[in-house]
Amino acid sequence: MLDKWTAMGAALEARAHLLRLGRLFSETVLIQLGEDEYYLTFEKGHLVDVTPGPSRKTPWRFALRTDAEALEAFWQPIPEAGFHDVFGLVKIGRARVDGDILVLVKNLRFFKEFLALGRDMEVSA
């Protein structure tokens, strides 16, 4: 999964519109897939670090907690209903968002489009 996040960071660099959307986003986000944790650190819209967890010392602004199967369904080229969106996953009970929701909402389009980059990746989880 670490390779997938790294590949998504590289794909982010090739998308000028996403970098423009994220230019004010400089935060660390926790992605929890079951027991596995990944801390994604963004600086002005660039993914600068991906750190595997768990870590009680790494501060994060908001967390997306889901399971690997739900994320794989989200990353399908044409996802099923409910798996098409971050809040769709929450609505069907397959994900939870914790932390500073306001930061997520202010940067929602950037974060959702960043996560959707996984739909284009050939790297296995």
C-alpha atoms as a PDB file:
ATOM      1  CA  MET A   1       0.000   0.000   0.000  1.00  0.00           C
ATOM      2  CA  LEU A   2       2.935   2.322   0.641  1.00  0.00           C
ATOM      3  CA  ASP A   3       3.855   2.029  -3.061  1.00  0.00           C
ATOM      4  CA  LYS A   4       0.309   2.991  -4.018  1.00  0.00           C
ATOM      5  CA  TRP A   5       0.397   6.181  -1.906  1.00  0.00           C
ATOM      6  CA  THR A   6       3.805   7.075  -3.367  1.00  0.00           C
ATOM      7  CA  ALA A   7       2.522   6.515  -6.911  1.00  0.00           C
ATOM      8  CA  MET A   8      -0.498   8.680  -6.162  1.00  0.00           C
ATOM      9  CA  GLY A   9       1.858  11.423  -4.934  1.00  0.00           C
ATOM     10  CA  ALA A  10       3.752  11.231  -8.240  1.00  0.00           C
ATOM     11  CA  ALA A  11       0.471  11.366 -10.172  1.00  0.00           C
ATOM     12  CA  LEU A  12      -0.521  14.421  -8.130  1.00  0.00           C
ATOM     13  CA  GLU A  13       2.595  16.249  -9.338  1.00  0.00           C
ATOM     14  CA  ALA A  14       1.479  15.750 -12.946  1.00  0.00           C
ATOM     15  CA  ARG A  15      -1.908  17.387 -12.375  1.00  0.00           C
ATOM     16  CA  ALA A  16      -1.578  21.152 -12.279  1.00  0.00           C
ATOM     17  CA  HIS A  17      -5.268  21.699 -11.523  1.00  0.00           C
ATOM     18  CA  LEU A  18      -4.991  19.541  -8.380  1.00  0.00           C
ATOM     19  CA  LEU A  19      -1.869  21.344  -7.211  1.00  0.00           C
ATOM     20  CA  ARG A  20      -3.734  24.614  -7.702  1.00  0.00           C
ATOM     21  CA  LEU A  21      -6.682  23.284  -5.658  1.00  0.00           C
ATOM     22  CA  GLY A  22      -4.370  22.165  -2.866  1.00  0.00           C
ATOM     23  CA  ARG A  23      -2.077  25.176  -2.758  1.00  0.00           C
ATOM     24  CA  LEU A  24      -3.450  26.160   0.667  1.00  0.00           C
ATOM     25  CA  PHE A  25      -3.495  22.606   2.044  1.00  0.00           C
ATOM     26  CA  SER A  26      -0.547  21.880   4.343  1.00  0.00           C
ATOM     27  CA  GLU A  27      -1.637  19.183   6.776  1.00  0.00           C
ATOM     28  CA  THR A  28      -1.031  15.596   7.850  1.00  0.00           C
ATOM     29  CA  VAL A  29      -3.905  13.202   7.214  1.00  0.00           C
ATOM     30  CA  LEU A  30      -4.328   9.770   8.777  1.00  0.00           C
ATOM     31  CA  ILE A  31      -5.628   7.022   6.522  1.00  0.00           C
ATOM     32  CA  GLN A  32      -6.478   3.930   8.535  1.00  0.00           C
ATOM     33  CA  LEU A  33      -7.227   0.703   6.699  1.00  0.00           C
ATOM     34  CA  GLY A  34      -8.264  -1.823   9.308  1.00  0.00           C
ATOM     35  CA  GLU A  35      -5.241  -2.053  11.602  1.00  0.00           C
ATOM     36  CA  ASP A  36      -2.844  -0.400   9.111  1.00  0.00           C
ATOM     37  CA  GLU A  37      -2.209   3.327   9.400  1.00  0.00           C
ATOM     38  CA  TYR A  38      -0.623   5.734   6.925  1.00  0.00           C
ATOM     39  CA  TYR A  39       0.205   9.357   7.654  1.00  0.00           C
ATOM     40  CA  LEU A  40       0.102  11.448   4.478  1.00  0.00           C
ATOM     41  CA  THR A  41       1.837  14.802   4.851  1.00  0.00           C
ATOM     42  CA  PHE A  42       0.914  17.491   2.346  1.00  0.00           C
ATOM     43  CA  GLU A  43       2.753  20.793   1.881  1.00  0.00           C
ATOM     44  CA  LYS A  44       0.953  23.364  -0.263  1.00  0.00           C
ATOM     45  CA  GLY A  45      -0.832  20.591  -2.145  1.00  0.00           C
ATOM     46  CA  HIS A  46       2.237  18.396  -2.664  1.00  0.00           C
ATOM     47  CA  LEU A  47       2.439  14.979  -0.998  1.00  0.00           C
ATOM     48  CA  VAL A  48       5.831  15.267   0.694  1.00  0.00           C
ATOM     49  CA  ASP A  49       5.815  12.241   2.998  1.00  0.00           C
ATOM     50  CA  VAL A  50       4.000   8.990   3.608  1.00  0.00           C
ATOM     51  CA  THR A  51       4.770   7.387   6.953  1.00  0.00           C
ATOM     52  CA  PRO A  52       3.402   3.987   7.930  1.00  0.00           C
ATOM     53  CA  GLY A  53       2.012   3.748  11.435  1.00  0.00           C
ATOM     54  CA  PRO A  54       0.755   3.233  13.964  1.00  0.00           C
ATOM     55  CA  SER A  55       2.257   6.171  15.792  1.00  0.00           C
ATOM     56  CA  ARG A  56       0.904   7.968  18.824  1.00  0.00           C
ATOM     57  CA  LYS A  57       3.453  10.763  18.253  1.00  0.00           C
ATOM     58  CA  THR A  58       2.408  11.830  14.754  1.00  0.00           C
ATOM     59  CA  PRO A  59      -0.178  14.636  14.877  1.00  0.00           C
ATOM     60  CA  TRP A  60      -2.884  14.661  12.193  1.00  0.00           C
ATOM     61  CA  ARG A  61      -5.741  17.042  11.320  1.00  0.00           C
ATOM     62  CA  PHE A  62      -8.351  14.550  10.176  1.00  0.00           C
ATOM     63  CA  ALA A  63      -8.561  10.826   9.630  1.00  0.00           C
ATOM     64  CA  LEU A  64     -10.302   8.608   7.120  1.00  0.00           C
ATOM     65  CA  ARG A  65     -10.875   5.211   8.704  1.00  0.00           C
ATOM     66  CA  THR A  66     -12.077   2.392   6.471  1.00  0.00           C
ATOM     67  CA  ASP A  67     -11.146  -1.136   5.466  1.00  0.00           C
ATOM     68  CA  ALA A  68      -8.933  -2.245   2.588  1.00  0.00           C
ATOM     69  CA  GLU A  69     -11.810  -3.892   0.707  1.00  0.00           C
ATOM     70  CA  ALA A  70     -13.869  -0.690   0.769  1.00  0.00           C
ATOM     71  CA  LEU A  71     -10.902   1.346  -0.474  1.00  0.00           C
ATOM     72  CA  GLU A  72     -10.288  -1.167  -3.275  1.00  0.00           C
ATOM     73  CA  ALA A  73     -13.963  -0.856  -4.251  1.00  0.00           C
ATOM     74  CA  PHE A  74     -13.564   2.950  -4.154  1.00  0.00           C
ATOM     75  CA  TRP A  75     -10.576   2.662  -6.509  1.00  0.00           C
ATOM     76  CA  GLN A  76     -12.434   0.662  -9.170  1.00  0.00           C
ATOM     77  CA  PRO A  77     -12.595   2.497 -12.532  1.00  0.00           C
ATOM     78  CA  ILE A  78     -16.378   2.754 -12.173  1.00  0.00           C
ATOM     79  CA  PRO A  79     -17.168   2.221  -8.472  1.00  0.00           C
ATOM     80  CA  GLU A  80     -20.517   0.915  -7.268  1.00  0.00           C
ATOM     81  CA  ALA A  81     -22.990   3.255  -5.606  1.00  0.00           C
ATOM     82  CA  GLY A  82     -21.753   4.249  -2.163  1.00  0.00           C
ATOM     83  CA  PHE A  83     -18.128   3.489  -3.054  1.00  0.00           C
ATOM     84  CA  HIS A  84     -17.851   6.427  -5.456  1.00  0.00           C
ATOM     85  CA  ASP A  85     -17.189   9.095  -2.806  1.00  0.00           C
ATOM     86  CA  VAL A  86     -15.604   9.574   0.620  1.00  0.00           C
ATOM     87  CA  PHE A  87     -18.929  10.556   2.165  1.00  0.00           C
ATOM     88  CA  GLY A  88     -20.628   7.775   0.224  1.00  0.00           C
ATOM     89  CA  LEU A  89     -18.411   5.335   2.133  1.00  0.00           C
ATOM     90  CA  VAL A  90     -19.445   7.017   5.387  1.00  0.00           C
ATOM     91  CA  LYS A  91     -23.122   6.874   4.451  1.00  0.00           C
ATOM     92  CA  ILE A  92     -23.069   3.123   3.766  1.00  0.00           C
ATOM     93  CA  GLY A  93     -21.155   2.503   7.001  1.00  0.00           C
ATOM     94  CA  ARG A  94     -17.839   1.486   5.429  1.00  0.00           C
ATOM     95  CA  ALA A  95     -15.820   4.522   6.582  1.00  0.00           C
ATOM     96  CA  ARG A  96     -15.575   7.081   9.335  1.00  0.00           C
ATOM     97  CA  VAL A  97     -14.099  10.569   9.304  1.00  0.00           C
ATOM     98  CA  ASP A  98     -12.551  11.833  12.552  1.00  0.00           C
ATOM     99  CA  GLY A  99     -10.744  14.975  13.614  1.00  0.00           C
ATOM    100  CA  ASP A 100     -11.047  18.501  12.235  1.00  0.00           C
ATOM    101  CA  ILE A 101     -13.893  18.109   9.763  1.00  0.00           C
ATOM    102  CA  LEU A 102     -13.724  21.815   8.868  1.00  0.00           C
ATOM    103  CA  VAL A 103     -10.237  21.347   7.363  1.00  0.00           C
ATOM    104  CA  LEU A 104     -11.559  18.430   5.310  1.00  0.00           C
ATOM    105  CA  VAL A 105     -14.584  20.380   4.094  1.00  0.00           C
ATOM    106  CA  LYS A 106     -12.475  23.431   3.180  1.00  0.00           C
ATOM    107  CA  ASN A 107     -10.248  21.183   1.051  1.00  0.00           C
ATOM    108  CA  LEU A 108     -12.838  18.604   0.071  1.00  0.00           C
ATOM    109  CA  ARG A 109     -12.447  18.752  -3.685  1.00  0.00           C
ATOM    110  CA  PHE A 110      -8.647  18.497  -3.444  1.00  0.00           C
ATOM    111  CA  PHE A 111      -8.774  15.551  -1.034  1.00  0.00           C
ATOM    112  CA  LYS A 112     -11.488  13.694  -2.954  1.00  0.00           C
ATOM    113  CA  GLU A 113      -9.678  14.128  -6.260  1.00  0.00           C
ATOM    114  CA  PHE A 114      -6.392  13.067  -4.674  1.00  0.00           C
ATOM    115  CA  LEU A 115      -7.994   9.857  -3.373  1.00  0.00           C
ATOM    116  CA  ALA A 116      -9.560   9.249  -6.778  1.00  0.00           C
ATOM    117  CA  LEU A 117      -6.059   9.174  -8.304  1.00  0.00           C
ATOM    118  CA  GLY A 118      -5.910   5.596  -7.003  1.00  0.00           C
ATOM    119  CA  ARG A 119      -8.409   4.657  -9.700  1.00  0.00           C
ATOM    120  CA  ASP A 120      -5.781   5.339 -12.352  1.00  0.00           C
ATOM    121  CA  MET A 121      -2.879   3.566 -10.644  1.00  0.00           C
ATOM    122  CA  GLU A 122      -1.504   0.243 -11.867  1.00  0.00           C
ATOM    123  CA  VAL A 123       0.408  -0.316  -8.612  1.00  0.00           C
ATOM    124  CA  SER A 124      -0.983  -3.161  -6.514  1.00  0.00           C
ATOM    125  CA  ALA A 125      -1.918  -2.548  -2.900  1.00  0.00           C
END
